Amino acid sequence: MTGRLPIGVIGVGALGRHHARHLASFHGAELVGVYDVDQARARAVAAEVGTRAFDDVDALLAQVRAVSIAVPTPHHGVVGLRALAAGVPVLMEKPLAATLVEADQLVRTAADRALQLQVGHIERFNRALRAAHDHFGDIRYFESTRLAPFQPRGTDVAVVLDLMIHDLDLVLHLTGGAEVTDVRASGVAVLSSHLDIATARVEFGNGAVAMVTSSRMARERVRRLRMFQPNGYFSLDLAAGSGEFMRLRPGWRPGSGAGLEEVVEHVALTAPDADALALELASFVAAVRGEAEAVVTGEEGRAALALALRVTEAVANNPVPRPGS
């Protein structure tokens, strides 16, 4: 298409506000307006970014050709289907939906109407992942740790859907969508009615294994990912957007060398600095304009949700014993 893409944002809470802020500055898009059930919040964000606050979601949908949705997870299905039914492509914040039934409805509706449906798995755009991309091989083992301080926002779902799903999506992506053959997990709800900490072991049909831990009860934020492949090892700090790749030195022979440094070379991983959310939104705009493929499709978002729900189910089947029981 030619000209700027008319786009809107539905849900301008803590995250949706940043969607609006970025979109308001894009050369290829025109932020037509925002909508939120909290009209005072919508007006405040609209004033901040220089756009209009709509008091009716259908009125907004009638004036845009794409929409970014950042409403609470339990409403993803209803709001997403409303947009797609109006013929408007959707960028849905992760997770795609709260249930697989809703996710399937979203994917099917988008396909039937030939509309873009992209999912906001923002770590796909992380600087460290972008820097490591050219070194990826047959990754066989993953270790991820994602910790965050407790915040009431997000506790409408389990930590698996709130935090862990980021890493589950990355693992699925980096294994090429290999079949999941086994999931074992444990976790506990401590400060909310849903899981606040969980750890899972996921096995794949291609032999890969992922150990994934997430908690929203930490004192500080931690987002680390370690990956192992034949002749190489990645250590990534996703929070800092940095990392290194350690690989066997060319020509090394078993038994030779006086120490690790003579066996392994360290490759610093660098990529151009860029805001991951801005990259995500730009990729959606480009996909809707027909200039690029969607980075995280609805089908991939559905796969990440399915695995996250399997982890949650595995936790339920492996309850933590209570003292004295």
Protein backbone atom coordinates (compact mmCIF):
# COMPACT_ATOMS: atom_id res chain seq x y z
CA MET A 1 0.00 0.00 0.00
CA THR A 2 1.01 3.64 -0.40
CA GLY A 3 0.66 6.34 2.20
CA ARG A 4 0.63 5.99 5.96
CA LEU A 5 -1.21 3.10 7.59
CA PRO A 6 -4.16 4.29 9.73
CA ILE A 7 -3.77 2.39 13.01
CA GLY A 8 -5.27 2.41 16.50
CA VAL A 9 -4.52 1.04 19.94
CA ILE A 10 -7.11 -0.72 22.09
CA GLY A 11 -6.10 -0.80 25.73
CA VAL A 12 -3.66 1.90 26.86
CA GLY A 13 -2.64 0.68 30.28
CA ALA A 14 0.96 0.26 31.35
CA LEU A 15 1.94 -1.50 28.12
CA GLY A 16 -0.60 -0.13 25.64
CA ARG A 17 0.55 3.40 26.41
CA HIS A 18 3.96 2.49 25.00
CA HIS A 19 2.33 1.01 21.90
CA ALA A 20 0.62 4.35 21.33
CA ARG A 21 3.80 6.30 22.04
CA HIS A 22 5.80 4.39 19.43
CA LEU A 23 3.08 4.33 16.79
CA ALA A 24 2.59 8.08 17.09
CA SER A 25 6.17 8.57 15.84
CA PHE A 26 6.20 6.06 12.96
CA HIS A 27 6.63 7.52 9.48
CA GLY A 28 4.75 4.62 7.88
CA ALA A 29 1.76 4.78 10.19
CA GLU A 30 -0.79 7.31 11.38
CA LEU A 31 -2.07 6.82 14.93
CA VAL A 32 -5.74 7.61 14.39
CA GLY A 33 -6.69 7.12 18.02
CA VAL A 34 -6.83 5.02 21.16
CA TYR A 35 -9.58 3.35 23.14
CA ASP A 36 -9.71 2.14 26.74
CA VAL A 37 -12.59 1.23 29.01
CA ASP A 38 -11.03 3.72 31.42
CA GLN A 39 -11.94 6.82 29.47
CA ALA A 40 -9.89 9.12 31.68
CA ARG A 41 -6.85 6.97 30.96
CA ALA A 42 -7.60 7.02 27.22
CA ARG A 43 -7.87 10.81 27.20
CA ALA A 44 -4.63 11.21 29.15
CA VAL A 45 -2.66 8.94 26.79
CA ALA A 46 -4.24 10.53 23.72
CA ALA A 47 -3.19 13.97 24.94
CA GLU A 48 0.31 12.70 25.68
CA VAL A 49 0.90 11.31 22.17
CA GLY A 50 -1.18 13.81 20.21
CA THR A 51 -4.08 11.69 19.03
CA ARG A 52 -7.80 11.20 19.69
CA ALA A 53 -9.43 9.22 22.48
CA PHE A 54 -12.42 7.27 21.17
CA ASP A 55 -15.31 6.53 23.53
CA ASP A 56 -16.53 3.63 21.38
CA VAL A 57 -14.32 0.77 20.18
CA ASP A 58 -16.38 0.18 17.03
CA ALA A 59 -16.00 3.83 16.04
CA LEU A 60 -12.22 3.42 16.28
CA LEU A 61 -12.27 0.19 14.27
CA ALA A 62 -14.27 1.90 11.53
CA GLN A 63 -11.48 4.42 10.95
CA VAL A 64 -8.35 2.24 11.02
CA ARG A 65 -6.76 -0.40 8.83
CA ALA A 66 -4.86 -2.07 11.67
CA VAL A 67 -5.03 -2.21 15.44
CA SER A 68 -2.75 -3.09 18.32
CA ILE A 69 -4.57 -4.74 21.23
CA ALA A 70 -3.13 -4.56 24.75
CA VAL A 71 -6.13 -5.33 26.93
CA PRO A 72 -6.02 -7.80 29.88
CA THR A 73 -5.54 -11.40 28.75
CA PRO A 74 -9.07 -12.61 29.63
CA HIS A 75 -10.43 -10.13 27.05
CA HIS A 76 -8.05 -10.98 24.19
CA GLY A 77 -10.47 -13.36 22.51
CA VAL A 78 -13.51 -11.09 22.52
CA VAL A 79 -11.70 -7.90 21.54
CA GLY A 80 -9.55 -9.63 18.91
CA LEU A 81 -12.55 -11.25 17.24
CA ARG A 82 -14.38 -7.92 17.26
CA ALA A 83 -11.51 -6.31 15.37
CA LEU A 84 -11.11 -9.16 12.88
CA ALA A 85 -14.86 -9.24 12.27
CA ALA A 86 -14.60 -5.57 11.32
CA GLY A 87 -11.93 -6.49 8.76
CA VAL A 88 -9.06 -4.99 10.78
CA PRO A 89 -5.66 -6.77 11.07
CA VAL A 90 -4.53 -7.35 14.65
CA LEU A 91 -1.34 -7.24 16.66
CA MET A 92 -2.30 -9.04 19.86
CA GLU A 93 -0.16 -8.69 22.94
CA LYS A 94 0.97 -12.05 24.29
CA PRO A 95 -0.52 -14.46 25.06
CA LEU A 96 -2.68 -14.73 21.97
CA ALA A 97 -5.70 -15.65 24.13
CA ALA A 98 -6.64 -17.09 27.49
CA THR A 99 -7.80 -20.42 26.07
CA LEU A 100 -7.04 -22.58 23.06
CA VAL A 101 -10.67 -22.35 21.95
CA GLU A 102 -10.36 -18.56 21.72
CA ALA A 103 -6.92 -18.82 20.09
CA ASP A 104 -8.29 -21.17 17.43
CA GLN A 105 -11.19 -18.78 16.77
CA LEU A 106 -8.77 -15.89 16.28
CA VAL A 107 -6.47 -17.86 13.97
CA ARG A 108 -9.36 -19.24 11.94
CA THR A 109 -11.11 -15.89 11.59
CA ALA A 110 -7.90 -14.16 10.48
CA ALA A 111 -7.26 -16.90 7.91
CA ASP A 112 -10.83 -16.84 6.60
CA ARG A 113 -10.67 -13.08 6.11
CA ALA A 114 -7.04 -13.04 4.87
CA LEU A 115 -6.06 -10.64 7.66
CA GLN A 116 -2.75 -10.28 9.46
CA LEU A 117 -2.74 -11.68 12.99
CA GLN A 118 0.58 -11.12 14.74
CA VAL A 119 1.34 -11.93 18.40
CA GLY A 120 3.45 -9.74 20.67
CA HIS A 121 6.20 -12.13 21.69
CA ILE A 122 8.62 -9.27 22.06
CA GLU A 123 11.70 -11.35 22.90
CA ARG A 124 11.93 -12.35 19.23
CA PHE A 125 13.21 -8.79 18.73
CA ASN A 126 15.63 -8.82 21.68
CA ARG A 127 19.03 -7.38 20.85
CA ALA A 128 20.89 -10.41 22.24
CA LEU A 129 18.81 -12.83 20.13
CA ARG A 130 19.34 -10.70 17.05
CA ALA A 131 23.10 -10.68 17.67
CA ALA A 132 23.23 -14.46 18.18
CA HIS A 133 21.13 -15.32 15.15
CA ASP A 134 23.94 -15.97 12.69
CA HIS A 135 25.60 -18.43 15.10
CA PHE A 136 22.56 -20.61 15.73
CA GLY A 137 22.91 -24.27 14.88
CA ASP A 138 21.27 -27.44 16.15
CA ILE A 139 20.48 -26.25 19.68
CA ARG A 140 19.99 -29.26 21.94
CA TYR A 141 19.66 -27.84 25.45
CA PHE A 142 18.06 -24.66 26.82
CA GLU A 143 18.16 -23.13 30.29
CA SER A 144 16.08 -20.02 30.88
CA THR A 145 15.51 -17.98 34.02
CA ARG A 146 12.98 -15.15 34.04
CA LEU A 147 12.36 -13.41 37.37
CA ALA A 148 10.43 -10.25 38.19
CA PRO A 149 9.28 -8.37 41.31
CA PHE A 150 5.66 -8.88 42.26
CA GLN A 151 3.16 -6.50 40.70
CA PRO A 152 -0.63 -6.83 40.93
CA ARG A 153 -0.83 -6.13 37.18
CA GLY A 154 -0.59 -9.43 35.35
CA THR A 155 -1.84 -11.60 38.20
CA ASP A 156 -5.09 -12.22 36.34
CA VAL A 157 -3.21 -15.17 34.82
CA ALA A 158 -0.58 -17.64 36.02
CA VAL A 159 3.10 -16.70 35.80
CA VAL A 160 3.35 -19.28 33.02
CA LEU A 161 1.14 -17.12 30.78
CA ASP A 162 2.50 -13.87 32.18
CA LEU A 163 6.27 -14.49 31.98
CA MET A 164 7.28 -18.05 31.07
CA ILE A 165 5.45 -17.99 27.76
CA HIS A 166 8.14 -15.63 26.40
CA ASP A 167 10.77 -18.33 26.83
CA LEU A 168 8.49 -21.13 25.67
CA ASP A 169 7.94 -19.20 22.44
CA LEU A 170 11.68 -18.74 21.98
CA VAL A 171 12.34 -22.45 22.53
CA LEU A 172 9.63 -23.43 20.05
CA HIS A 173 11.01 -20.97 17.53
CA LEU A 174 14.64 -22.09 17.94
CA THR A 175 13.76 -25.78 17.69
CA GLY A 176 11.92 -25.13 14.45
CA GLY A 177 8.57 -26.07 15.93
CA ALA A 178 9.71 -29.57 16.90
CA GLU A 179 7.06 -31.81 18.45
CA VAL A 180 6.77 -31.57 22.24
CA THR A 181 6.92 -35.11 23.60
CA ASP A 182 6.93 -34.58 27.36
CA VAL A 183 6.28 -31.79 29.87
CA ARG A 184 7.04 -31.99 33.59
CA ALA A 185 6.52 -29.03 35.87
CA SER A 186 6.02 -27.83 39.40
CA GLY A 187 5.00 -24.51 40.88
CA VAL A 188 3.02 -22.75 43.55
CA ALA A 189 0.66 -19.80 44.03
CA VAL A 190 2.00 -17.62 46.82
CA LEU A 191 0.77 -14.03 46.53
CA SER A 192 -2.09 -14.43 44.06
CA SER A 193 -4.77 -16.96 43.19
CA HIS A 194 -2.66 -18.17 40.25
CA LEU A 195 0.82 -19.68 39.97
CA ASP A 196 3.47 -17.14 40.98
CA ILE A 197 6.51 -19.37 40.46
CA ALA A 198 6.95 -22.35 38.17
CA THR A 199 9.67 -24.47 36.63
CA ALA A 200 9.27 -26.86 33.72
CA ARG A 201 11.23 -29.45 31.80
CA VAL A 202 10.13 -29.75 28.18
CA GLU A 203 11.36 -32.53 25.89
CA PHE A 204 11.11 -32.48 22.11
CA GLY A 205 10.91 -35.17 19.47
CA ASN A 206 14.21 -34.03 17.94
CA GLY A 207 16.02 -34.71 21.25
CA ALA A 208 16.17 -31.11 22.48
CA VAL A 209 15.44 -30.38 26.14
CA ALA A 210 14.44 -27.09 27.77
CA MET A 211 14.59 -26.23 31.48
CA VAL A 212 12.48 -23.12 32.05
CA THR A 213 11.97 -21.22 35.31
CA SER A 214 9.81 -18.15 35.91
CA SER A 215 8.90 -16.24 39.06
CA ARG A 216 7.16 -12.95 39.78
CA MET A 217 8.32 -12.89 43.41
CA ALA A 218 11.96 -11.86 42.94
CA ARG A 219 13.73 -8.81 44.35
CA GLU A 220 15.17 -7.90 40.96
CA ARG A 221 14.52 -8.58 37.30
CA VAL A 222 16.48 -11.37 35.66
CA ARG A 223 16.11 -12.59 32.06
CA ARG A 224 18.83 -15.05 31.16
CA LEU A 225 18.98 -17.70 28.48
CA ARG A 226 21.70 -20.30 28.00
CA MET A 227 21.73 -22.57 24.96
CA PHE A 228 24.00 -25.43 24.01
CA GLN A 229 24.63 -26.88 20.56
CA PRO A 230 27.37 -29.14 19.19
CA ASN A 231 30.68 -27.26 19.53
CA GLY A 232 29.10 -24.12 20.96
CA TYR A 233 27.40 -22.47 23.93
CA PHE A 234 25.40 -19.23 24.18
CA SER A 235 25.07 -17.16 27.35
CA LEU A 236 22.54 -14.37 26.81
CA ASP A 237 21.40 -11.62 29.14
CA LEU A 238 18.07 -10.72 27.60
CA ALA A 239 17.53 -7.86 30.05
CA ALA A 240 20.78 -6.18 29.01
CA GLY A 241 20.49 -7.27 25.37
CA SER A 242 24.00 -8.71 25.45
CA GLY A 243 25.75 -12.06 25.48
CA GLU A 244 28.58 -14.20 24.21
CA PHE A 245 29.05 -17.30 22.14
CA MET A 246 31.73 -19.75 23.19
CA ARG A 247 32.82 -22.22 20.54
CA LEU A 248 35.61 -24.72 19.97
CA ARG A 249 38.65 -23.22 18.31
CA PRO A 250 39.12 -24.35 14.70
CA GLY A 251 41.52 -27.28 14.51
CA TRP A 252 41.37 -28.14 18.21
CA ARG A 253 41.98 -31.82 18.94
CA PRO A 254 40.80 -33.63 22.07
CA GLY A 255 43.58 -33.80 24.65
CA SER A 256 45.47 -30.77 23.36
CA GLY A 257 45.75 -27.36 25.00
CA ALA A 258 46.80 -26.30 28.48
CA GLY A 259 43.53 -24.65 29.52
CA LEU A 260 40.05 -23.63 28.52
CA GLU A 261 41.19 -20.51 26.69
CA GLU A 262 43.24 -22.66 24.31
CA VAL A 263 40.20 -24.81 23.58
CA VAL A 264 37.40 -22.26 23.39
CA GLU A 265 37.14 -18.86 21.72
CA HIS A 266 34.77 -16.21 23.01
CA VAL A 267 32.67 -14.32 20.48
CA ALA A 268 31.04 -11.16 21.80
CA LEU A 269 27.52 -10.83 20.47
CA THR A 270 26.56 -7.38 19.30
CA ALA A 271 23.71 -5.96 17.28
CA PRO A 272 22.47 -2.43 16.61
CA ASP A 273 20.70 -1.02 19.65
CA ALA A 274 16.97 -0.65 19.12
CA ASP A 275 13.82 -0.68 21.21
CA ALA A 276 12.33 -4.19 20.95
CA LEU A 277 8.74 -2.93 21.14
CA ALA A 278 9.41 -0.41 18.38
CA LEU A 279 10.83 -3.21 16.22
CA GLU A 280 7.81 -5.41 16.95
CA LEU A 281 5.35 -2.67 16.02
CA ALA A 282 7.33 -1.78 12.91
CA SER A 283 7.25 -5.41 11.79
CA PHE A 284 3.47 -5.47 12.20
CA VAL A 285 3.04 -2.27 10.23
CA ALA A 286 5.28 -3.64 7.47
CA ALA A 287 3.34 -6.92 7.37
CA VAL A 288 -0.02 -5.14 7.08
CA ARG A 289 1.39 -2.91 4.36
CA GLY A 290 2.50 -6.04 2.46
CA GLU A 291 6.18 -5.21 2.76
CA ALA A 292 7.26 -8.16 4.94
CA GLU A 293 6.07 -11.40 6.49
CA ALA A 294 4.71 -11.41 10.04
CA VAL A 295 7.48 -12.25 12.51
CA VAL A 296 5.26 -14.05 15.02
CA THR A 297 2.17 -15.46 13.33
CA GLY A 298 -1.11 -16.32 14.97
CA GLU A 299 -0.27 -20.01 14.55
CA GLU A 300 3.01 -19.51 16.43
CA GLY A 301 1.22 -17.61 19.17
CA ARG A 302 -1.27 -20.46 19.40
CA ALA A 303 1.59 -22.98 19.71
CA ALA A 304 3.21 -20.99 22.54
CA LEU A 305 -0.14 -20.78 24.34
CA ALA A 306 -0.72 -24.52 23.93
CA LEU A 307 2.68 -25.30 25.47
CA ALA A 308 2.12 -22.83 28.31
CA LEU A 309 -1.20 -24.47 29.11
CA ARG A 310 0.49 -27.89 29.07
CA VAL A 311 2.98 -26.58 31.62
CA THR A 312 0.15 -25.25 33.79
CA GLU A 313 -1.62 -28.61 33.55
CA ALA A 314 1.60 -30.44 34.45
CA VAL A 315 1.91 -28.28 37.59
CA ALA A 316 -1.67 -29.15 38.55
CA ASN A 317 -0.83 -32.83 38.16
CA ASN A 318 2.23 -32.43 40.37
CA PRO A 319 0.97 -30.54 43.44
CA VAL A 320 3.48 -29.29 46.01
CA PRO A 321 3.08 -31.36 49.23
CA ARG A 322 1.89 -29.36 52.21
CA PRO A 323 3.89 -29.57 55.46
CA GLY A 324 2.68 -32.48 57.58
CA SER A 325 0.83 -34.11 54.70
